Amino acid sequence: MEITEILRQGIVTEKSVKLQERNQYTFKVALAANKIDVRRAVEQLFKVKVVSVNVMRMPGKPRLIRRRGSAPRPVEAREWKKAIVTLAEGESIDALKA
């Protein structure tokens, strides 16, 4: 898997902005990516030193699709994976600063 395929996008929410104060950044990553892949991708793309990586699978939530003229039908949203990356002291990723 290529490095550009591992990191999908940065996540900027209230919780992730609070984590940035502790030098932790949140990314949406590929389902097949593991901690080592995420570490290498962040270090090479942003030129920073990564201390630790936590990865978690986020389950797909049930949704209802409503269309005019037909009954609502339940659909399962896709499962995705999130990584919280802790950087070394003094390092930062300016692209995700809110």
C-alpha atoms as a PDB file:
ATOM      1  CA  MET A   1       0.000   0.000   0.000  1.00  0.00           C
ATOM      2  CA  GLU A   2       1.371   3.418  -0.956  1.00  0.00           C
ATOM      3  CA  ILE A   3       1.830   6.167   1.594  1.00  0.00           C
ATOM      4  CA  THR A   4      -0.651   8.473  -0.115  1.00  0.00           C
ATOM      5  CA  GLU A   5      -3.355   5.787   0.123  1.00  0.00           C
ATOM      6  CA  ILE A   6      -2.938   5.285   3.889  1.00  0.00           C
ATOM      7  CA  LEU A   7      -3.949   8.753   5.156  1.00  0.00           C
ATOM      8  CA  ARG A   8      -7.374   9.638   3.763  1.00  0.00           C
ATOM      9  CA  GLN A   9      -8.011  12.977   5.502  1.00  0.00           C
ATOM     10  CA  GLY A  10      -7.422  14.856   8.711  1.00  0.00           C
ATOM     11  CA  ILE A  11     -10.288  15.064  11.187  1.00  0.00           C
ATOM     12  CA  VAL A  12     -11.032  18.476  12.690  1.00  0.00           C
ATOM     13  CA  THR A  13     -13.708  18.322  15.404  1.00  0.00           C
ATOM     14  CA  GLU A  14     -13.989  19.844  18.869  1.00  0.00           C
ATOM     15  CA  LYS A  15     -12.421  16.780  20.438  1.00  0.00           C
ATOM     16  CA  SER A  16      -9.578  16.580  17.911  1.00  0.00           C
ATOM     17  CA  VAL A  17      -8.761  20.286  18.386  1.00  0.00           C
ATOM     18  CA  LYS A  18      -8.492  19.686  22.155  1.00  0.00           C
ATOM     19  CA  LEU A  19      -6.153  16.756  21.434  1.00  0.00           C
ATOM     20  CA  GLN A  20      -3.956  19.050  19.332  1.00  0.00           C
ATOM     21  CA  GLU A  21      -3.130  20.970  22.511  1.00  0.00           C
ATOM     22  CA  ARG A  22      -1.530  17.723  23.767  1.00  0.00           C
ATOM     23  CA  ASN A  23       0.312  17.296  20.432  1.00  0.00           C
ATOM     24  CA  GLN A  24      -2.066  14.571  19.176  1.00  0.00           C
ATOM     25  CA  TYR A  25      -3.560  14.666  15.663  1.00  0.00           C
ATOM     26  CA  THR A  26      -6.484  12.642  14.289  1.00  0.00           C
ATOM     27  CA  PHE A  27      -6.686  11.133  10.793  1.00  0.00           C
ATOM     28  CA  LYS A  28      -9.134   9.021   8.828  1.00  0.00           C
ATOM     29  CA  VAL A  29      -7.037   6.131   7.447  1.00  0.00           C
ATOM     30  CA  ALA A  30      -7.469   3.165   5.118  1.00  0.00           C
ATOM     31  CA  LEU A  31      -9.128   0.062   6.595  1.00  0.00           C
ATOM     32  CA  ALA A  32      -6.122  -2.079   5.683  1.00  0.00           C
ATOM     33  CA  ALA A  33      -3.603   0.272   7.362  1.00  0.00           C
ATOM     34  CA  ASN A  34      -1.900  -0.688  10.618  1.00  0.00           C
ATOM     35  CA  LYS A  35       0.016   1.381  13.200  1.00  0.00           C
ATOM     36  CA  ILE A  36       3.355   0.974  11.429  1.00  0.00           C
ATOM     37  CA  ASP A  37       1.905   2.107   8.083  1.00  0.00           C
ATOM     38  CA  VAL A  38       0.301   5.180   9.693  1.00  0.00           C
ATOM     39  CA  ARG A  39       3.537   6.098  11.505  1.00  0.00           C
ATOM     40  CA  ARG A  40       5.600   5.902   8.292  1.00  0.00           C
ATOM     41  CA  ALA A  41       3.029   7.879   6.303  1.00  0.00           C
ATOM     42  CA  VAL A  42       2.810  10.737   8.829  1.00  0.00           C
ATOM     43  CA  GLU A  43       6.591  10.933   9.264  1.00  0.00           C
ATOM     44  CA  GLN A  44       7.249  11.037   5.515  1.00  0.00           C
ATOM     45  CA  LEU A  45       4.393  13.342   4.474  1.00  0.00           C
ATOM     46  CA  PHE A  46       4.698  15.921   7.274  1.00  0.00           C
ATOM     47  CA  LYS A  47       8.418  15.530   8.159  1.00  0.00           C
ATOM     48  CA  VAL A  48       7.743  15.085  11.903  1.00  0.00           C
ATOM     49  CA  LYS A  49       8.775  12.574  14.594  1.00  0.00           C
ATOM     50  CA  VAL A  50       5.918  10.293  15.740  1.00  0.00           C
ATOM     51  CA  VAL A  51       5.993   9.014  19.330  1.00  0.00           C
ATOM     52  CA  SER A  52       2.917   6.741  19.278  1.00  0.00           C
ATOM     53  CA  VAL A  53      -0.085   5.769  17.163  1.00  0.00           C
ATOM     54  CA  ASN A  54      -3.506   4.580  18.357  1.00  0.00           C
ATOM     55  CA  VAL A  55      -5.809   3.027  15.753  1.00  0.00           C
ATOM     56  CA  MET A  56      -9.508   2.246  16.126  1.00  0.00           C
ATOM     57  CA  ARG A  57     -12.247   0.905  13.876  1.00  0.00           C
ATOM     58  CA  MET A  58     -15.401   2.993  13.778  1.00  0.00           C
ATOM     59  CA  PRO A  59     -18.557   0.950  13.068  1.00  0.00           C
ATOM     60  CA  GLY A  60     -20.982   1.904  10.342  1.00  0.00           C
ATOM     61  CA  LYS A  61     -24.215   3.350  11.713  1.00  0.00           C
ATOM     62  CA  PRO A  62     -27.677   2.382  10.465  1.00  0.00           C
ATOM     63  CA  ARG A  63     -29.264   5.072   8.276  1.00  0.00           C
ATOM     64  CA  LEU A  64     -32.629   5.499   6.599  1.00  0.00           C
ATOM     65  CA  ILE A  65     -32.834   6.532   2.956  1.00  0.00           C
ATOM     66  CA  ARG A  66     -36.024   8.422   2.244  1.00  0.00           C
ATOM     67  CA  ARG A  67     -37.233   9.046  -1.304  1.00  0.00           C
ATOM     68  CA  ARG A  68     -40.441  10.550  -2.516  1.00  0.00           C
ATOM     69  CA  GLY A  69     -42.900   7.932  -3.659  1.00  0.00           C
ATOM     70  CA  SER A  70     -41.285   4.973  -1.877  1.00  0.00           C
ATOM     71  CA  ALA A  71     -40.994   3.651   1.638  1.00  0.00           C
ATOM     72  CA  PRO A  72     -37.870   4.495   3.676  1.00  0.00           C
ATOM     73  CA  ARG A  73     -35.310   1.709   3.592  1.00  0.00           C
ATOM     74  CA  PRO A  74     -32.535   1.031   6.087  1.00  0.00           C
ATOM     75  CA  VAL A  75     -28.935   1.164   4.846  1.00  0.00           C
ATOM     76  CA  GLU A  76     -25.755   0.429   6.788  1.00  0.00           C
ATOM     77  CA  ALA A  77     -23.086   3.162   6.496  1.00  0.00           C
ATOM     78  CA  ARG A  78     -19.547   2.019   5.809  1.00  0.00           C
ATOM     79  CA  GLU A  79     -17.132   1.099   8.547  1.00  0.00           C
ATOM     80  CA  TRP A  80     -13.993   3.276   8.724  1.00  0.00           C
ATOM     81  CA  LYS A  81     -10.743   3.501  10.652  1.00  0.00           C
ATOM     82  CA  LYS A  82      -9.396   6.389  12.729  1.00  0.00           C
ATOM     83  CA  ALA A  83      -5.835   6.982  13.921  1.00  0.00           C
ATOM     84  CA  ILE A  84      -4.691   9.301  16.714  1.00  0.00           C
ATOM     85  CA  VAL A  85      -1.015  10.176  16.227  1.00  0.00           C
ATOM     86  CA  THR A  86       1.093  11.602  19.064  1.00  0.00           C
ATOM     87  CA  LEU A  87       4.040  13.715  17.928  1.00  0.00           C
ATOM     88  CA  ALA A  88       7.318  14.405  19.708  1.00  0.00           C
ATOM     89  CA  GLU A  89       7.621  17.516  21.891  1.00  0.00           C
ATOM     90  CA  GLY A  90       8.021  20.664  19.789  1.00  0.00           C
ATOM     91  CA  GLU A  91       6.650  19.088  16.575  1.00  0.00           C
ATOM     92  CA  SER A  92       3.346  20.120  14.945  1.00  0.00           C
ATOM     93  CA  ILE A  93       1.335  19.684  11.755  1.00  0.00           C
ATOM     94  CA  ASP A  94       0.289  23.107  10.497  1.00  0.00           C
ATOM     95  CA  ALA A  95      -2.126  21.716   7.882  1.00  0.00           C
ATOM     96  CA  LEU A  96      -4.530  20.505  10.618  1.00  0.00           C
ATOM     97  CA  LYS A  97      -4.396  23.538  12.901  1.00  0.00           C
ATOM     98  CA  ALA A  98      -7.882  24.941  13.458  1.00  0.00           C
END
